[in-house]
């Protein structure tokens, strides 16, 4: 089965050797997505603003590969401060309140850049929207 790939502004994709998202058949897998601006800089602001940026990158990648927000079936959110859980949850709810994918939020020690407060992964299956 052929693979389709898409990239983003992350400076790490070529360096490390990964794709922002990959589609195989009807499944789209989106890599851990940090709050990175088009120029490669980090998104400023609090965890909610950073999560909104992560979701924008994720949804753009899914759409580039033929999916939609409604096709998302799973998300994984990694946060560095448990007090940011509500803020990241609000950003998630703003996007997925009606879709309600399976979701996980985990507190971790750190992310690749110290200014990042959140990193998010997603999976979509084309044609599963309700």
N, C-alpha and C. Protein backbone atom coordinates (compact mmCIF):
# COMPACT_ATOMS: atom_id res chain seq x y z
N UNK A 1 0.85 -1.17 0.00
CA UNK A 1 0.00 0.00 0.00
C UNK A 1 0.90 1.25 0.00
N UNK A 2 0.69 2.17 -0.92
CA UNK A 2 1.55 3.36 -0.98
C UNK A 2 1.33 4.30 0.20
N UNK A 3 2.38 5.04 0.52
CA UNK A 3 2.33 6.02 1.60
C UNK A 3 2.30 7.42 1.00
N UNK A 4 1.48 8.27 1.60
CA UNK A 4 1.49 9.69 1.29
C UNK A 4 2.02 10.38 2.54
N UNK A 5 2.84 11.42 2.34
CA UNK A 5 3.42 12.14 3.47
C UNK A 5 3.19 13.63 3.31
N UNK A 6 3.22 14.33 4.44
CA UNK A 6 3.20 15.78 4.43
C UNK A 6 4.14 16.28 5.51
N UNK A 7 4.62 17.50 5.33
CA UNK A 7 5.55 18.09 6.28
C UNK A 7 4.99 19.37 6.86
N UNK A 8 5.79 20.00 7.72
CA UNK A 8 5.39 21.27 8.33
C UNK A 8 6.64 22.13 8.50
N UNK A 9 6.53 23.16 9.29
CA UNK A 9 7.66 24.08 9.51
C UNK A 9 8.69 23.56 10.50
N UNK A 10 8.45 22.41 11.06
CA UNK A 10 9.39 21.89 12.07
C UNK A 10 10.78 21.71 11.48
N UNK A 11 11.79 22.29 12.11
CA UNK A 11 13.15 22.11 11.61
C UNK A 11 13.68 20.71 11.88
N UNK A 12 12.97 19.92 12.65
CA UNK A 12 13.45 18.60 13.04
C UNK A 12 13.07 17.49 12.06
N UNK A 13 12.11 17.73 11.18
CA UNK A 13 11.64 16.67 10.29
C UNK A 13 12.76 16.12 9.41
N UNK A 14 13.45 16.99 8.68
CA UNK A 14 14.53 16.53 7.81
C UNK A 14 15.74 16.05 8.62
N UNK A 15 16.02 16.76 9.70
CA UNK A 15 17.19 16.44 10.52
C UNK A 15 17.07 15.05 11.16
N UNK A 16 15.91 14.77 11.73
CA UNK A 16 15.70 13.51 12.43
C UNK A 16 15.22 12.42 11.48
N UNK A 17 14.50 12.83 10.43
CA UNK A 17 14.00 11.86 9.45
C UNK A 17 12.61 11.36 9.77
N UNK A 18 11.65 12.28 9.86
CA UNK A 18 10.27 11.87 10.06
C UNK A 18 9.34 12.79 9.29
N UNK A 19 8.11 12.35 9.14
CA UNK A 19 7.08 13.14 8.46
C UNK A 19 6.12 13.71 9.50
N UNK A 20 5.60 14.90 9.23
CA UNK A 20 4.57 15.46 10.11
C UNK A 20 3.40 14.49 10.20
N UNK A 21 2.99 14.00 9.02
CA UNK A 21 1.89 13.04 8.99
C UNK A 21 2.10 12.10 7.81
N UNK A 22 1.56 10.92 7.97
CA UNK A 22 1.65 9.92 6.93
C UNK A 22 0.29 9.25 6.79
N UNK A 23 -0.09 9.01 5.54
CA UNK A 23 -1.35 8.30 5.27
C UNK A 23 -1.02 6.99 4.59
N UNK A 24 -1.57 5.92 5.14
CA UNK A 24 -1.49 4.60 4.55
C UNK A 24 -2.92 4.08 4.50
N UNK A 25 -3.42 3.87 3.29
CA UNK A 25 -4.81 3.46 3.14
C UNK A 25 -5.73 4.55 3.65
N UNK A 26 -6.64 4.19 4.54
CA UNK A 26 -7.58 5.17 5.09
C UNK A 26 -7.14 5.72 6.44
N UNK A 27 -5.92 5.42 6.84
CA UNK A 27 -5.42 5.82 8.16
C UNK A 27 -4.37 6.93 8.03
N UNK A 28 -4.53 7.98 8.84
CA UNK A 28 -3.56 9.08 8.90
C UNK A 28 -3.00 9.13 10.31
N UNK A 29 -1.67 9.11 10.40
CA UNK A 29 -0.99 9.21 11.69
C UNK A 29 -0.22 10.51 11.70
N UNK A 30 -0.45 11.33 12.73
CA UNK A 30 0.23 12.61 12.85
C UNK A 30 1.25 12.52 13.98
N UNK A 31 2.49 12.84 13.66
CA UNK A 31 3.58 12.80 14.64
C UNK A 31 3.33 13.78 15.78
N UNK A 32 4.09 13.61 16.83
CA UNK A 32 4.06 14.57 17.92
C UNK A 32 4.27 15.96 17.34
N UNK A 33 3.34 16.84 17.62
CA UNK A 33 3.32 18.17 17.02
C UNK A 33 3.47 19.22 18.10
N UNK A 34 4.55 19.96 17.99
CA UNK A 34 4.84 21.03 18.95
C UNK A 34 4.36 22.36 18.39
N UNK A 35 4.29 23.38 19.24
CA UNK A 35 3.81 24.69 18.82
C UNK A 35 4.88 25.47 18.07
N UNK A 36 5.00 25.19 16.77
CA UNK A 36 6.02 25.80 15.93
C UNK A 36 5.34 26.68 14.89
N UNK A 37 5.85 27.89 14.75
CA UNK A 37 5.34 28.84 13.76
C UNK A 37 5.92 28.55 12.38
N UNK A 38 5.34 29.12 11.32
CA UNK A 38 5.85 28.86 9.96
C UNK A 38 7.33 29.19 9.77
N UNK A 39 7.86 30.14 10.55
CA UNK A 39 9.28 30.49 10.42
C UNK A 39 10.19 29.59 11.27
N UNK A 40 9.60 28.59 11.94
CA UNK A 40 10.37 27.67 12.77
C UNK A 40 10.51 28.09 14.21
N UNK A 41 10.06 29.28 14.55
CA UNK A 41 10.12 29.74 15.94
C UNK A 41 9.00 29.09 16.75
N UNK A 42 9.13 29.15 18.05
CA UNK A 42 8.10 28.59 18.94
C UNK A 42 6.94 29.56 19.08
N UNK A 43 5.74 29.02 19.18
CA UNK A 43 4.56 29.83 19.41
C UNK A 43 4.66 30.44 20.80
N UNK A 44 4.51 31.76 20.90
CA UNK A 44 4.55 32.38 22.22
C UNK A 44 3.22 32.16 22.95
N UNK A 45 3.23 32.39 24.24
CA UNK A 45 1.99 32.36 25.00
C UNK A 45 1.87 31.18 25.92
N UNK A 46 0.68 31.07 26.47
CA UNK A 46 0.40 30.04 27.46
C UNK A 46 0.13 28.69 26.80
N UNK A 47 -0.15 27.69 27.61
CA UNK A 47 -0.36 26.33 27.11
C UNK A 47 -1.57 26.25 26.19
N UNK A 48 -2.62 27.03 26.46
CA UNK A 48 -3.79 26.98 25.60
C UNK A 48 -3.47 27.53 24.21
N UNK A 49 -2.74 28.64 24.14
CA UNK A 49 -2.34 29.20 22.84
C UNK A 49 -1.43 28.22 22.09
N UNK A 50 -0.53 27.59 22.81
CA UNK A 50 0.36 26.63 22.18
C UNK A 50 -0.42 25.40 21.70
N UNK A 51 -1.38 24.93 22.48
CA UNK A 51 -2.19 23.79 22.07
C UNK A 51 -3.02 24.14 20.83
N UNK A 52 -3.58 25.34 20.79
CA UNK A 52 -4.33 25.76 19.59
C UNK A 52 -3.44 25.71 18.36
N UNK A 53 -2.19 26.15 18.49
CA UNK A 53 -1.26 26.09 17.36
C UNK A 53 -0.98 24.64 16.97
N UNK A 54 -0.77 23.77 17.94
CA UNK A 54 -0.55 22.35 17.64
C UNK A 54 -1.74 21.78 16.86
N UNK A 55 -2.96 22.07 17.32
CA UNK A 55 -4.13 21.55 16.62
C UNK A 55 -4.25 22.11 15.22
N UNK A 56 -3.90 23.36 15.02
CA UNK A 56 -3.94 23.95 13.67
C UNK A 56 -2.98 23.22 12.74
N UNK A 57 -1.79 22.92 13.22
CA UNK A 57 -0.80 22.19 12.41
C UNK A 57 -1.31 20.78 12.11
N UNK A 58 -1.83 20.12 13.13
CA UNK A 58 -2.34 18.75 12.98
C UNK A 58 -3.48 18.70 11.97
N UNK A 59 -4.45 19.59 12.10
CA UNK A 59 -5.60 19.55 11.21
C UNK A 59 -5.21 19.91 9.78
N UNK A 60 -4.26 20.81 9.61
CA UNK A 60 -3.78 21.13 8.26
C UNK A 60 -3.14 19.90 7.62
N UNK A 61 -2.35 19.17 8.39
CA UNK A 61 -1.71 17.96 7.86
C UNK A 61 -2.75 16.92 7.48
N UNK A 62 -3.75 16.73 8.33
CA UNK A 62 -4.80 15.75 8.04
C UNK A 62 -5.55 16.15 6.78
N UNK A 63 -5.87 17.42 6.65
CA UNK A 63 -6.58 17.89 5.45
C UNK A 63 -5.72 17.74 4.20
N UNK A 64 -4.41 17.99 4.30
CA UNK A 64 -3.52 17.82 3.15
C UNK A 64 -3.50 16.37 2.67
N UNK A 65 -3.78 15.45 3.56
CA UNK A 65 -3.77 14.03 3.21
C UNK A 65 -5.18 13.49 2.95
N UNK A 66 -6.16 14.38 2.79
CA UNK A 66 -7.50 13.96 2.40
C UNK A 66 -8.47 13.69 3.52
N UNK A 67 -8.10 14.02 4.75
CA UNK A 67 -8.99 13.80 5.89
C UNK A 67 -9.61 15.10 6.36
N UNK A 68 -10.36 14.99 7.44
CA UNK A 68 -11.00 16.16 8.04
C UNK A 68 -10.96 16.03 9.55
N UNK A 69 -11.31 17.10 10.21
CA UNK A 69 -11.37 17.10 11.68
C UNK A 69 -12.28 15.97 12.17
N UNK A 70 -13.37 15.77 11.47
CA UNK A 70 -14.35 14.75 11.88
C UNK A 70 -13.80 13.33 11.79
N UNK A 71 -12.71 13.12 11.06
CA UNK A 71 -12.12 11.79 10.92
C UNK A 71 -11.17 11.44 12.06
N UNK A 72 -10.86 12.39 12.94
CA UNK A 72 -9.91 12.14 14.03
C UNK A 72 -10.55 11.18 15.04
N UNK A 73 -9.82 10.11 15.34
CA UNK A 73 -10.33 9.09 16.26
C UNK A 73 -9.52 9.00 17.56
N UNK A 74 -8.31 9.62 17.57
CA UNK A 74 -7.48 9.54 18.77
C UNK A 74 -6.55 10.74 18.84
N UNK A 75 -6.37 11.26 20.05
CA UNK A 75 -5.38 12.30 20.31
C UNK A 75 -4.58 11.92 21.56
N UNK A 76 -3.34 12.39 21.58
CA UNK A 76 -2.48 12.21 22.75
C UNK A 76 -1.82 13.56 23.03
N UNK A 77 -2.01 14.06 24.24
CA UNK A 77 -1.47 15.36 24.62
C UNK A 77 -0.43 15.17 25.71
N UNK A 78 0.73 15.75 25.50
CA UNK A 78 1.83 15.67 26.45
C UNK A 78 2.07 17.07 26.99
N UNK A 79 1.94 17.23 28.29
CA UNK A 79 2.13 18.55 28.91
C UNK A 79 3.24 18.45 29.96
N UNK A 80 3.91 19.57 30.20
CA UNK A 80 5.03 19.57 31.15
C UNK A 80 4.63 20.07 32.53
N UNK A 81 3.44 20.62 32.67
CA UNK A 81 2.99 21.17 33.94
C UNK A 81 1.53 20.76 34.15
N UNK A 82 1.23 20.00 35.20
CA UNK A 82 -0.14 19.55 35.41
C UNK A 82 -1.14 20.69 35.56
N UNK A 83 -0.69 21.87 35.94
CA UNK A 83 -1.63 22.99 36.08
C UNK A 83 -2.09 23.50 34.71
N UNK A 84 -1.46 23.04 33.62
CA UNK A 84 -1.89 23.42 32.27
C UNK A 84 -2.95 22.49 31.70
N UNK A 85 -3.35 21.47 32.44
CA UNK A 85 -4.31 20.49 31.93
C UNK A 85 -5.62 21.13 31.51
N UNK A 86 -6.17 22.01 32.31
CA UNK A 86 -7.45 22.64 31.95
C UNK A 86 -7.32 23.48 30.69
N UNK A 87 -6.22 24.21 30.56
CA UNK A 87 -6.01 25.07 29.39
C UNK A 87 -5.89 24.24 28.12
N UNK A 88 -5.12 23.18 28.17
CA UNK A 88 -4.97 22.31 27.00
C UNK A 88 -6.29 21.59 26.73
N UNK A 89 -6.98 21.20 27.77
CA UNK A 89 -8.30 20.58 27.60
C UNK A 89 -9.29 21.51 26.93
N UNK A 90 -9.26 22.80 27.27
CA UNK A 90 -10.14 23.77 26.60
C UNK A 90 -9.84 23.85 25.11
N UNK A 91 -8.56 23.88 24.76
CA UNK A 91 -8.18 23.93 23.35
C UNK A 91 -8.66 22.67 22.63
N UNK A 92 -8.51 21.52 23.28
CA UNK A 92 -8.97 20.25 22.70
C UNK A 92 -10.49 20.29 22.51
N UNK A 93 -11.19 20.73 23.53
CA UNK A 93 -12.65 20.78 23.46
C UNK A 93 -13.15 21.73 22.39
N UNK A 94 -12.44 22.82 22.16
CA UNK A 94 -12.85 23.77 21.12
C UNK A 94 -12.82 23.12 19.74
N UNK A 95 -11.93 22.18 19.55
CA UNK A 95 -11.81 21.51 18.26
C UNK A 95 -12.67 20.25 18.19
N UNK A 96 -12.70 19.48 19.27
CA UNK A 96 -13.26 18.13 19.22
C UNK A 96 -14.49 17.89 20.10
N UNK A 97 -15.11 18.94 20.60
CA UNK A 97 -16.24 18.77 21.52
C UNK A 97 -17.32 17.83 20.97
N UNK A 98 -17.67 17.97 19.72
CA UNK A 98 -18.73 17.14 19.11
C UNK A 98 -18.19 15.82 18.58
N UNK A 99 -16.92 15.77 18.23
CA UNK A 99 -16.32 14.58 17.63
C UNK A 99 -15.95 13.56 18.69
N UNK A 100 -15.41 14.04 19.79
CA UNK A 100 -15.06 13.25 20.95
C UNK A 100 -14.19 12.03 20.65
N UNK A 101 -12.99 12.26 20.10
CA UNK A 101 -12.09 11.12 19.86
C UNK A 101 -11.59 10.54 21.19
N UNK A 102 -11.06 9.35 21.13
CA UNK A 102 -10.36 8.81 22.30
C UNK A 102 -9.18 9.75 22.55
N UNK A 103 -8.94 10.09 23.81
CA UNK A 103 -7.91 11.08 24.10
C UNK A 103 -7.15 10.71 25.37
N UNK A 104 -5.87 11.06 25.36
CA UNK A 104 -5.01 10.85 26.51
C UNK A 104 -4.23 12.12 26.76
N UNK A 105 -4.09 12.50 28.03
CA UNK A 105 -3.23 13.62 28.40
C UNK A 105 -2.27 13.11 29.47
N UNK A 106 -0.98 13.32 29.23
CA UNK A 106 0.06 12.80 30.11
C UNK A 106 0.98 13.95 30.51
N UNK A 107 1.36 13.98 31.77
CA UNK A 107 2.35 14.95 32.25
C UNK A 107 3.72 14.31 32.13
N UNK A 108 4.63 15.04 31.47
CA UNK A 108 5.98 14.54 31.26
C UNK A 108 6.98 15.54 31.85
N UNK A 109 8.22 15.12 31.97
CA UNK A 109 9.25 15.97 32.59
C UNK A 109 9.62 17.17 31.72
N UNK A 110 9.73 16.98 30.41
CA UNK A 110 10.17 18.06 29.54
C UNK A 110 9.88 17.71 28.09
N UNK A 111 9.91 18.75 27.25
CA UNK A 111 9.82 18.59 25.80
C UNK A 111 11.13 19.06 25.19
N UNK A 112 11.29 18.90 23.88
CA UNK A 112 12.55 19.19 23.22
C UNK A 112 13.04 20.62 23.41
N UNK A 113 12.14 21.60 23.35
CA UNK A 113 12.50 22.99 23.61
C UNK A 113 11.89 23.40 24.95
N UNK A 114 12.64 24.09 25.79
CA UNK A 114 12.13 24.42 27.13
C UNK A 114 10.91 25.33 27.12
N UNK A 115 10.70 26.12 26.07
CA UNK A 115 9.54 27.02 26.02
C UNK A 115 8.25 26.30 25.61
N UNK A 116 8.35 25.07 25.12
CA UNK A 116 7.16 24.32 24.76
C UNK A 116 6.48 23.80 26.02
N UNK A 117 5.18 24.01 26.09
CA UNK A 117 4.38 23.55 27.22
C UNK A 117 3.55 22.32 26.86
N UNK A 118 3.41 22.05 25.54
CA UNK A 118 2.55 20.97 25.08
C UNK A 118 3.04 20.44 23.74
N UNK A 119 2.83 19.15 23.53
CA UNK A 119 3.05 18.50 22.24
C UNK A 119 1.89 17.52 22.06
N UNK A 120 1.38 17.40 20.84
CA UNK A 120 0.16 16.62 20.61
C UNK A 120 0.32 15.71 19.40
N UNK A 121 -0.19 14.49 19.49
CA UNK A 121 -0.27 13.53 18.40
C UNK A 121 -1.74 13.31 18.06
N UNK A 122 -1.99 12.82 16.84
CA UNK A 122 -3.37 12.51 16.47
C UNK A 122 -3.39 11.38 15.45
N UNK A 123 -4.51 10.70 15.41
CA UNK A 123 -4.77 9.67 14.41
C UNK A 123 -6.15 9.91 13.83
N UNK A 124 -6.25 9.69 12.53
CA UNK A 124 -7.55 9.83 11.85
C UNK A 124 -7.75 8.61 10.96
N UNK A 125 -8.99 8.25 10.79
CA UNK A 125 -9.37 7.20 9.86
C UNK A 125 -10.40 7.80 8.91
N UNK A 126 -10.04 7.87 7.65
CA UNK A 126 -10.90 8.50 6.64
C UNK A 126 -12.22 7.75 6.54
N UNK A 127 -13.29 8.50 6.52
CA UNK A 127 -14.60 7.90 6.35
C UNK A 127 -15.27 7.46 7.63
N UNK A 128 -14.70 7.84 8.78
CA UNK A 128 -15.29 7.42 10.05
C UNK A 128 -16.10 8.53 10.70
N UNK A 129 -16.19 9.69 10.03
CA UNK A 129 -16.91 10.81 10.65
C UNK A 129 -18.38 10.44 10.83
N UNK A 130 -18.94 10.93 11.92
CA UNK A 130 -20.33 10.60 12.26
C UNK A 130 -21.31 11.44 11.48
